[in-house]
Amino acid sequence: MTPEFLSTYFIEPLLTGDANYNIYNTIVYGILFAVAVFGIFKVLRKLEIPIDRNFFIATFPFVILGGLTRALRDAGILKNVFFVAPLIYITLFALAFGSLLGTFYLGKKIKKDYWKLMAGVGFVILAIFVSFYEMINPLGFMQILALGLGCASVIYALGKFYPNLFTDLNKWTMSAAMIDAASTVIAVSYYDYGEKHVLPNFLFGLFGTAWVMLPLKFFVVLAALYVIDRYEQDELFRNFIKFAIVTVTLGPGIRNTLRLAMGV
């Protein structure tokens, strides 16, 4: 692998902006992501850190931070190369995983719950980046929030009738997915934004409305959770998959919402 090859396919795409992917860096990034996910799971298992409700709470501010920093990057506010995709994912991972390990060992030493310490650290870091944020479209923000919370309310209500299906973690996971869906519905339906993915665009054309995203996301995620709970026996891995779903849905949903609110 020559220096020219590295410069052309890896270094220059980072210096010229976001999402400048090619076949070579895409393959490498995909491999690194898979290795990182597997490594995180192995570390969590070795440290005996339970992936439960408290883990979700501890990592929640970092998931928000992911969406916020991507939105700030889209707005041109964060310009450092470490906030250019895909390096931004490494930056966020370093903050979150470093906080997890640090608070875990500190919690053991001072006899405090790590997840409370980690959530506190996360919200402090989040507050720093929130100070760079400026909202110019509060109506759009409130529309997405209202629709997302409305969907979450339905999910929690269903939990009273189907507690085995709508467990606590499943309700969290589905609510995160519905916020993502709500951000797409409002942005595409009322603010002339577009959808980048092929399947949603096909369904928008087929049904004539972006509102199809709500039932689509609901039933797809619900079916995935049903399969995970039914066929995956390892509880730690089962919950880790749910955490991954929260990350890849809530993060983009927050990014979309904050972009719309900034008018980007």
C-alpha atoms as a PDB file:
ATOM      1  CA  MET A   1       0.000   0.000   0.000  1.00  0.00           C
ATOM      2  CA  THR A   2       1.764   3.118  -1.253  1.00  0.00           C
ATOM      3  CA  PRO A   3       1.674   6.608   0.293  1.00  0.00           C
ATOM      4  CA  GLU A   4      -0.110   7.827  -2.840  1.00  0.00           C
ATOM      5  CA  PHE A   5      -2.818   5.205  -2.384  1.00  0.00           C
ATOM      6  CA  LEU A   6      -3.328   6.162   1.266  1.00  0.00           C
ATOM      7  CA  SER A   7      -3.447   9.848   0.387  1.00  0.00           C
ATOM      8  CA  THR A   8      -5.932   9.409  -2.474  1.00  0.00           C
ATOM      9  CA  TYR A   9      -8.376   7.011  -0.863  1.00  0.00           C
ATOM     10  CA  PHE A  10      -8.103   7.757   2.857  1.00  0.00           C
ATOM     11  CA  ILE A  11      -6.491  11.089   3.746  1.00  0.00           C
ATOM     12  CA  GLU A  12      -7.889  13.357   1.036  1.00  0.00           C
ATOM     13  CA  PRO A  13     -11.511  12.243   1.555  1.00  0.00           C
ATOM     14  CA  LEU A  14     -11.215  13.254   5.218  1.00  0.00           C
ATOM     15  CA  LEU A  15      -9.786  16.659   4.359  1.00  0.00           C
ATOM     16  CA  THR A  16     -12.385  17.490   1.716  1.00  0.00           C
ATOM     17  CA  GLY A  17     -15.488  16.947   3.853  1.00  0.00           C
ATOM     18  CA  ASP A  18     -18.130  14.472   5.006  1.00  0.00           C
ATOM     19  CA  ALA A  19     -19.241  11.291   3.316  1.00  0.00           C
ATOM     20  CA  ASN A  20     -16.496  11.211   0.669  1.00  0.00           C
ATOM     21  CA  TYR A  21     -16.492   7.454   0.533  1.00  0.00           C
ATOM     22  CA  ASN A  22     -14.919   5.128  -1.998  1.00  0.00           C
ATOM     23  CA  ILE A  23     -14.759   1.354  -2.269  1.00  0.00           C
ATOM     24  CA  TYR A  24     -11.470   1.131  -0.381  1.00  0.00           C
ATOM     25  CA  ASN A  25     -12.188   3.306   2.638  1.00  0.00           C
ATOM     26  CA  THR A  26     -15.744   1.931   2.816  1.00  0.00           C
ATOM     27  CA  ILE A  27     -14.442  -1.626   3.145  1.00  0.00           C
ATOM     28  CA  VAL A  28     -11.846  -0.612   5.727  1.00  0.00           C
ATOM     29  CA  TYR A  29     -14.345   1.441   7.745  1.00  0.00           C
ATOM     30  CA  GLY A  30     -16.825  -1.436   7.660  1.00  0.00           C
ATOM     31  CA  ILE A  31     -14.239  -3.890   8.936  1.00  0.00           C
ATOM     32  CA  LEU A  32     -13.117  -1.495  11.657  1.00  0.00           C
ATOM     33  CA  PHE A  33     -16.723  -0.942  12.732  1.00  0.00           C
ATOM     34  CA  ALA A  34     -17.390  -4.679  12.972  1.00  0.00           C
ATOM     35  CA  VAL A  35     -14.190  -5.219  14.950  1.00  0.00           C
ATOM     36  CA  ALA A  36     -15.027  -2.316  17.256  1.00  0.00           C
ATOM     37  CA  VAL A  37     -18.541  -3.607  17.950  1.00  0.00           C
ATOM     38  CA  PHE A  38     -17.229  -7.094  18.679  1.00  0.00           C
ATOM     39  CA  GLY A  39     -14.475  -5.657  20.872  1.00  0.00           C
ATOM     40  CA  ILE A  40     -16.895  -3.496  22.858  1.00  0.00           C
ATOM     41  CA  PHE A  41     -19.127  -6.467  23.523  1.00  0.00           C
ATOM     42  CA  LYS A  42     -16.176  -8.592  24.674  1.00  0.00           C
ATOM     43  CA  VAL A  43     -14.967  -5.836  27.033  1.00  0.00           C
ATOM     44  CA  LEU A  44     -18.433  -5.370  28.518  1.00  0.00           C
ATOM     45  CA  ARG A  45     -18.727  -9.087  29.103  1.00  0.00           C
ATOM     46  CA  LYS A  46     -15.253  -9.323  30.668  1.00  0.00           C
ATOM     47  CA  LEU A  47     -15.916  -6.400  33.004  1.00  0.00           C
ATOM     48  CA  GLU A  48     -19.324  -7.866  33.811  1.00  0.00           C
ATOM     49  CA  ILE A  49     -21.064  -4.603  33.026  1.00  0.00           C
ATOM     50  CA  PRO A  50     -24.757  -5.449  32.612  1.00  0.00           C
ATOM     51  CA  ILE A  51     -26.451  -4.065  29.514  1.00  0.00           C
ATOM     52  CA  ASP A  52     -29.699  -3.159  31.183  1.00  0.00           C
ATOM     53  CA  ARG A  53     -31.898  -0.140  31.854  1.00  0.00           C
ATOM     54  CA  ASN A  54     -29.100   1.576  33.782  1.00  0.00           C
ATOM     55  CA  PHE A  55     -26.671   1.075  30.898  1.00  0.00           C
ATOM     56  CA  PHE A  56     -29.180   2.705  28.547  1.00  0.00           C
ATOM     57  CA  ILE A  57     -29.504   5.667  30.931  1.00  0.00           C
ATOM     58  CA  ALA A  58     -25.724   6.003  31.253  1.00  0.00           C
ATOM     59  CA  THR A  59     -25.192   6.109  27.501  1.00  0.00           C
ATOM     60  CA  PHE A  60     -28.246   8.237  26.690  1.00  0.00           C
ATOM     61  CA  PRO A  61     -26.475  11.635  26.767  1.00  0.00           C
ATOM     62  CA  PHE A  62     -23.762  10.280  24.479  1.00  0.00           C
ATOM     63  CA  VAL A  63     -26.356   9.144  21.939  1.00  0.00           C
ATOM     64  CA  ILE A  64     -27.811  12.655  22.020  1.00  0.00           C
ATOM     65  CA  LEU A  65     -24.293  14.039  21.695  1.00  0.00           C
ATOM     66  CA  GLY A  66     -23.830  12.002  18.526  1.00  0.00           C
ATOM     67  CA  GLY A  67     -26.881  13.567  16.880  1.00  0.00           C
ATOM     68  CA  LEU A  68     -25.998  17.052  18.122  1.00  0.00           C
ATOM     69  CA  THR A  69     -22.400  17.024  16.908  1.00  0.00           C
ATOM     70  CA  ARG A  70     -23.464  15.722  13.485  1.00  0.00           C
ATOM     71  CA  ALA A  71     -25.992  18.561  13.241  1.00  0.00           C
ATOM     72  CA  LEU A  72     -23.376  21.124  14.297  1.00  0.00           C
ATOM     73  CA  ARG A  73     -21.052  19.694  11.684  1.00  0.00           C
ATOM     74  CA  ASP A  74     -23.788  19.967   9.030  1.00  0.00           C
ATOM     75  CA  ALA A  75     -24.237  23.620   9.995  1.00  0.00           C
ATOM     76  CA  GLY A  76     -20.507  24.287   9.593  1.00  0.00           C
ATOM     77  CA  ILE A  77     -20.059  25.105  13.279  1.00  0.00           C
ATOM     78  CA  LEU A  78     -17.743  22.186  14.032  1.00  0.00           C
ATOM     79  CA  LYS A  79     -14.958  22.298  11.460  1.00  0.00           C
ATOM     80  CA  ASN A  80     -12.180  20.286  13.057  1.00  0.00           C
ATOM     81  CA  VAL A  81     -11.189  17.173  11.102  1.00  0.00           C
ATOM     82  CA  PHE A  82     -12.119  15.007  14.090  1.00  0.00           C
ATOM     83  CA  PHE A  83     -15.760  15.976  13.496  1.00  0.00           C
ATOM     84  CA  VAL A  84     -15.694  14.923   9.840  1.00  0.00           C
ATOM     85  CA  ALA A  85     -17.374  11.605   9.071  1.00  0.00           C
ATOM     86  CA  PRO A  86     -16.213   8.941   9.696  1.00  0.00           C
ATOM     87  CA  LEU A  87     -13.661  10.313  12.181  1.00  0.00           C
ATOM     88  CA  ILE A  88     -16.514  11.834  14.176  1.00  0.00           C
ATOM     89  CA  TYR A  89     -17.651   8.312  15.084  1.00  0.00           C
ATOM     90  CA  ILE A  90     -14.195   7.556  16.481  1.00  0.00           C
ATOM     91  CA  THR A  91     -14.260  10.819  18.433  1.00  0.00           C
ATOM     92  CA  LEU A  92     -17.654  10.058  19.940  1.00  0.00           C
ATOM     93  CA  PHE A  93     -16.695   6.472  20.658  1.00  0.00           C
ATOM     94  CA  ALA A  94     -13.562   7.632  22.488  1.00  0.00           C
ATOM     95  CA  LEU A  95     -15.615  10.010  24.633  1.00  0.00           C
ATOM     96  CA  ALA A  96     -18.318   7.457  25.447  1.00  0.00           C
ATOM     97  CA  PHE A  97     -16.146   4.390  25.951  1.00  0.00           C
ATOM     98  CA  GLY A  98     -13.512   6.343  27.858  1.00  0.00           C
ATOM     99  CA  SER A  99     -16.219   7.705  30.145  1.00  0.00           C
ATOM    100  CA  LEU A 100     -17.631   4.203  30.611  1.00  0.00           C
ATOM    101  CA  LEU A 101     -14.305   2.702  31.654  1.00  0.00           C
ATOM    102  CA  GLY A 102     -13.346   5.685  33.801  1.00  0.00           C
ATOM    103  CA  THR A 103     -16.617   5.861  35.703  1.00  0.00           C
ATOM    104  CA  PHE A 104     -16.771   2.080  36.048  1.00  0.00           C
ATOM    105  CA  TYR A 105     -13.436   1.886  37.851  1.00  0.00           C
ATOM    106  CA  LEU A 106     -14.066   5.116  39.770  1.00  0.00           C
ATOM    107  CA  GLY A 107     -17.460   3.816  40.865  1.00  0.00           C
ATOM    108  CA  LYS A 108     -15.856   0.678  42.220  1.00  0.00           C
ATOM    109  CA  LYS A 109     -13.294   2.701  44.120  1.00  0.00           C
ATOM    110  CA  ILE A 110     -15.693   5.167  45.730  1.00  0.00           C
ATOM    111  CA  LYS A 111     -18.597   2.679  45.903  1.00  0.00           C
ATOM    112  CA  LYS A 112     -20.925   4.600  43.608  1.00  0.00           C
ATOM    113  CA  ASP A 113     -23.047   3.365  40.721  1.00  0.00           C
ATOM    114  CA  TYR A 114     -21.027   3.779  37.524  1.00  0.00           C
ATOM    115  CA  TRP A 115     -24.083   4.553  35.429  1.00  0.00           C
ATOM    116  CA  LYS A 116     -24.957   7.600  37.510  1.00  0.00           C
ATOM    117  CA  LEU A 117     -21.396   8.889  37.215  1.00  0.00           C
ATOM    118  CA  MET A 118     -21.289   8.209  33.472  1.00  0.00           C
ATOM    119  CA  ALA A 119     -24.622   9.914  32.847  1.00  0.00           C
ATOM    120  CA  GLY A 120     -23.353  12.942  34.780  1.00  0.00           C
ATOM    121  CA  VAL A 121     -20.169  13.108  32.719  1.00  0.00           C
ATOM    122  CA  GLY A 122     -22.185  12.720  29.544  1.00  0.00           C
ATOM    123  CA  PHE A 123     -24.538  15.569  30.348  1.00  0.00           C
ATOM    124  CA  VAL A 124     -21.612  17.864  31.203  1.00  0.00           C
ATOM    125  CA  ILE A 125     -19.995  17.161  27.832  1.00  0.00           C
ATOM    126  CA  LEU A 126     -23.380  17.538  26.143  1.00  0.00           C
ATOM    127  CA  ALA A 127     -23.915  20.925  27.783  1.00  0.00           C
ATOM    128  CA  ILE A 128     -20.629  22.164  26.321  1.00  0.00           C
ATOM    129  CA  PHE A 129     -21.724  21.370  22.776  1.00  0.00           C
ATOM    130  CA  VAL A 130     -25.271  22.630  23.346  1.00  0.00           C
ATOM    131  CA  SER A 131     -23.744  26.072  23.958  1.00  0.00           C
ATOM    132  CA  PHE A 132     -22.842  26.180  20.235  1.00  0.00           C
ATOM    133  CA  TYR A 133     -26.391  25.428  19.155  1.00  0.00           C
ATOM    134  CA  GLU A 134     -28.848  28.044  17.908  1.00  0.00           C
ATOM    135  CA  MET A 135     -32.478  27.220  17.176  1.00  0.00           C
ATOM    136  CA  ILE A 136     -34.251  29.269  14.516  1.00  0.00           C
ATOM    137  CA  ASN A 137     -37.196  26.958  13.809  1.00  0.00           C
ATOM    138  CA  PRO A 138     -38.737  26.049  17.167  1.00  0.00           C
ATOM    139  CA  LEU A 139     -42.044  25.087  15.501  1.00  0.00           C
ATOM    140  CA  GLY A 140     -40.423  22.295  13.505  1.00  0.00           C
ATOM    141  CA  PHE A 141     -38.618  21.103  16.624  1.00  0.00           C
ATOM    142  CA  MET A 142     -41.866  20.994  18.599  1.00  0.00           C
ATOM    143  CA  GLN A 143     -43.713  19.204  15.796  1.00  0.00           C
ATOM    144  CA  ILE A 144     -41.169  16.382  15.744  1.00  0.00           C
ATOM    145  CA  LEU A 145     -41.043  16.235  19.524  1.00  0.00           C
ATOM    146  CA  ALA A 146     -44.838  16.075  19.814  1.00  0.00           C
ATOM    147  CA  LEU A 147     -45.166  13.368  17.169  1.00  0.00           C
ATOM    148  CA  GLY A 148     -42.286  11.339  18.622  1.00  0.00           C
ATOM    149  CA  LEU A 149     -43.621  11.546  22.158  1.00  0.00           C
ATOM    150  CA  GLY A 150     -47.102  10.693  20.911  1.00  0.00           C
ATOM    151  CA  CYS A 151     -45.772   7.513  19.309  1.00  0.00           C
ATOM    152  CA  ALA A 152     -43.819   6.694  22.479  1.00  0.00           C
ATOM    153  CA  SER A 153     -46.995   7.123  24.532  1.00  0.00           C
ATOM    154  CA  VAL A 154     -48.775   4.570  22.329  1.00  0.00           C
ATOM    155  CA  ILE A 155     -45.869   2.149  22.777  1.00  0.00           C
ATOM    156  CA  TYR A 156     -45.920   2.504  26.553  1.00  0.00           C
ATOM    157  CA  ALA A 157     -49.695   2.074  26.579  1.00  0.00           C
ATOM    158  CA  LEU A 158     -49.365  -1.149  24.593  1.00  0.00           C
ATOM    159  CA  GLY A 159     -46.885  -2.323  27.209  1.00  0.00           C
ATOM    160  CA  LYS A 160     -49.732  -2.597  29.704  1.00  0.00           C
ATOM    161  CA  PHE A 161     -51.531  -5.116  27.489  1.00  0.00           C
ATOM    162  CA  TYR A 162     -48.511  -6.969  26.082  1.00  0.00           C
ATOM    163  CA  PRO A 163     -45.829  -6.791  28.799  1.00  0.00           C
ATOM    164  CA  ASN A 164     -43.876  -9.773  27.471  1.00  0.00           C
ATOM    165  CA  LEU A 165     -43.431  -8.117  24.084  1.00  0.00           C
ATOM    166  CA  PHE A 166     -43.146  -4.517  25.215  1.00  0.00           C
ATOM    167  CA  THR A 167     -40.537  -4.940  27.942  1.00  0.00           C
ATOM    168  CA  ASP A 168     -38.748  -1.910  29.386  1.00  0.00           C
ATOM    169  CA  LEU A 169     -35.803  -2.155  26.987  1.00  0.00           C
ATOM    170  CA  ASN A 170     -38.085  -2.890  24.055  1.00  0.00           C
ATOM    171  CA  LYS A 171     -40.138   0.219  24.816  1.00  0.00           C
ATOM    172  CA  TRP A 172     -36.965   2.299  24.940  1.00  0.00           C
ATOM    173  CA  THR A 173     -35.759   0.798  21.666  1.00  0.00           C
ATOM    174  CA  MET A 174     -39.052   1.298  19.847  1.00  0.00           C
ATOM    175  CA  SER A 175     -39.475   4.845  21.155  1.00  0.00           C
ATOM    176  CA  ALA A 176     -36.019   5.729  19.831  1.00  0.00           C
ATOM    177  CA  ALA A 177     -36.951   4.343  16.412  1.00  0.00           C
ATOM    178  CA  MET A 178     -40.217   6.277  16.355  1.00  0.00           C
ATOM    179  CA  ILE A 179     -38.451   9.570  17.081  1.00  0.00           C
ATOM    180  CA  ASP A 180     -36.306   8.862  14.043  1.00  0.00           C
ATOM    181  CA  ALA A 181     -39.433   8.150  11.989  1.00  0.00           C
ATOM    182  CA  ALA A 182     -41.137  11.293  13.299  1.00  0.00           C
ATOM    183  CA  SER A 183     -38.187  13.459  12.253  1.00  0.00           C
ATOM    184  CA  THR A 184     -38.412  12.071   8.718  1.00  0.00           C
ATOM    185  CA  VAL A 185     -42.187  12.521   8.495  1.00  0.00           C
ATOM    186  CA  ILE A 186     -42.177  16.158   9.610  1.00  0.00           C
ATOM    187  CA  ALA A 187     -39.076  17.189   7.653  1.00  0.00           C
ATOM    188  CA  VAL A 188     -40.217  15.590   4.378  1.00  0.00           C
ATOM    189  CA  SER A 189     -43.934  16.420   4.683  1.00  0.00           C
ATOM    190  CA  TYR A 190     -43.753  20.044   5.815  1.00  0.00           C
ATOM    191  CA  TYR A 191     -40.266  21.438   5.262  1.00  0.00           C
ATOM    192  CA  ASP A 192     -39.232  20.221   1.806  1.00  0.00           C
ATOM    193  CA  TYR A 193     -36.448  17.957   3.005  1.00  0.00           C
ATOM    194  CA  GLY A 194     -35.559  14.804   1.102  1.00  0.00           C
ATOM    195  CA  GLU A 195     -34.971  11.176   2.063  1.00  0.00           C
ATOM    196  CA  LYS A 196     -31.620   9.673   1.023  1.00  0.00           C
ATOM    197  CA  HIS A 197     -32.485   5.985   1.342  1.00  0.00           C
ATOM    198  CA  VAL A 198     -33.980   3.988  -1.517  1.00  0.00           C
ATOM    199  CA  LEU A 199     -36.664   1.973   0.306  1.00  0.00           C
ATOM    200  CA  PRO A 200     -38.317   4.931   2.097  1.00  0.00           C
ATOM    201  CA  ASN A 201     -38.345   6.903  -1.158  1.00  0.00           C
ATOM    202  CA  PHE A 202     -39.987   3.972  -2.937  1.00  0.00           C
ATOM    203  CA  LEU A 203     -42.641   3.725  -0.229  1.00  0.00           C
ATOM    204  CA  PHE A 204     -43.228   7.485  -0.263  1.00  0.00           C
ATOM    205  CA  GLY A 205     -43.973   7.248  -3.969  1.00  0.00           C
ATOM    206  CA  LEU A 206     -46.068   4.116  -3.560  1.00  0.00           C
ATOM    207  CA  PHE A 207     -48.261   5.499  -0.778  1.00  0.00           C
ATOM    208  CA  GLY A 208     -47.979   9.169  -1.696  1.00  0.00           C
ATOM    209  CA  THR A 209     -46.933  10.274   1.762  1.00  0.00           C
ATOM    210  CA  ALA A 210     -43.983  10.189   4.151  1.00  0.00           C
ATOM    211  CA  TRP A 211     -46.352   9.259   6.980  1.00  0.00           C
ATOM    212  CA  VAL A 212     -45.915   5.637   5.932  1.00  0.00           C
ATOM    213  CA  MET A 213     -42.615   5.793   7.852  1.00  0.00           C
ATOM    214  CA  LEU A 214     -44.469   5.581  11.167  1.00  0.00           C
ATOM    215  CA  PRO A 215     -46.128   2.162  10.686  1.00  0.00           C
ATOM    216  CA  LEU A 216     -43.126   0.925   8.692  1.00  0.00           C
ATOM    217  CA  LYS A 217     -40.632   1.722  11.437  1.00  0.00           C
ATOM    218  CA  PHE A 218     -43.000   0.500  14.148  1.00  0.00           C
ATOM    219  CA  PHE A 219     -43.622  -2.950  12.680  1.00  0.00           C
ATOM    220  CA  VAL A 220     -40.079  -3.513  11.380  1.00  0.00           C
ATOM    221  CA  VAL A 221     -38.479  -2.760  14.748  1.00  0.00           C
ATOM    222  CA  LEU A 222     -41.197  -4.657  16.626  1.00  0.00           C
ATOM    223  CA  ALA A 223     -40.621  -7.721  14.438  1.00  0.00           C
ATOM    224  CA  ALA A 224     -36.854  -7.461  14.953  1.00  0.00           C
ATOM    225  CA  LEU A 225     -37.269  -7.274  18.723  1.00  0.00           C
ATOM    226  CA  TYR A 226     -39.621 -10.249  18.703  1.00  0.00           C
ATOM    227  CA  VAL A 227     -37.068 -12.342  16.808  1.00  0.00           C
ATOM    228  CA  ILE A 228     -34.224 -11.199  19.075  1.00  0.00           C
ATOM    229  CA  ASP A 229     -36.132 -12.054  22.250  1.00  0.00           C
ATOM    230  CA  ARG A 230     -37.385 -15.371  20.917  1.00  0.00           C
ATOM    231  CA  TYR A 231     -34.221 -16.791  19.386  1.00  0.00           C
ATOM    232  CA  GLU A 232     -31.249 -15.160  21.145  1.00  0.00           C
ATOM    233  CA  GLN A 233     -30.567 -16.905  24.450  1.00  0.00           C
ATOM    234  CA  ASP A 234     -27.626 -14.766  25.581  1.00  0.00           C
ATOM    235  CA  GLU A 235     -29.265 -11.904  27.497  1.00  0.00           C
ATOM    236  CA  LEU A 236     -26.162  -9.701  27.382  1.00  0.00           C
ATOM    237  CA  PHE A 237     -25.853 -10.015  23.616  1.00  0.00           C
ATOM    238  CA  ARG A 238     -29.610  -9.651  23.188  1.00  0.00           C
ATOM    239  CA  ASN A 239     -29.604  -6.344  25.035  1.00  0.00           C
ATOM    240  CA  PHE A 240     -26.456  -5.240  23.230  1.00  0.00           C
ATOM    241  CA  ILE A 241     -28.269  -5.616  19.899  1.00  0.00           C
ATOM    242  CA  LYS A 242     -31.119  -3.492  21.260  1.00  0.00           C
ATOM    243  CA  PHE A 243     -28.633  -0.863  22.361  1.00  0.00           C
ATOM    244  CA  ALA A 244     -27.192  -0.861  18.842  1.00  0.00           C
ATOM    245  CA  ILE A 245     -30.691  -0.309  17.418  1.00  0.00           C
ATOM    246  CA  VAL A 246     -31.201   2.643  19.759  1.00  0.00           C
ATOM    247  CA  THR A 247     -27.891   4.144  18.678  1.00  0.00           C
ATOM    248  CA  VAL A 248     -28.500   3.843  14.934  1.00  0.00           C
ATOM    249  CA  THR A 249     -32.069   5.199  15.143  1.00  0.00           C
ATOM    250  CA  LEU A 250     -32.123   7.797  17.910  1.00  0.00           C
ATOM    251  CA  GLY A 251     -28.813   9.357  16.866  1.00  0.00           C
ATOM    252  CA  PRO A 252     -29.941  10.103  13.286  1.00  0.00           C
ATOM    253  CA  GLY A 253     -33.380  11.134  14.567  1.00  0.00           C
ATOM    254  CA  ILE A 254     -31.824  13.724  16.851  1.00  0.00           C
ATOM    255  CA  ARG A 255     -29.536  14.895  14.066  1.00  0.00           C
ATOM    256  CA  ASN A 256     -32.498  15.354  11.708  1.00  0.00           C
ATOM    257  CA  THR A 257     -34.504  17.177  14.359  1.00  0.00           C
ATOM    258  CA  LEU A 258     -31.720  19.563  15.308  1.00  0.00           C
ATOM    259  CA  ARG A 259     -30.825  20.237  11.677  1.00  0.00           C
ATOM    260  CA  LEU A 260     -34.416  21.190  10.954  1.00  0.00           C
ATOM    261  CA  ALA A 261     -34.536  23.411  14.026  1.00  0.00           C
ATOM    262  CA  MET A 262     -31.345  25.163  12.849  1.00  0.00           C
ATOM    263  CA  GLY A 263     -32.695  25.554   9.330  1.00  0.00           C
ATOM    264  CA  VAL A 264     -29.808  23.555   7.835  1.00  0.00           C
END
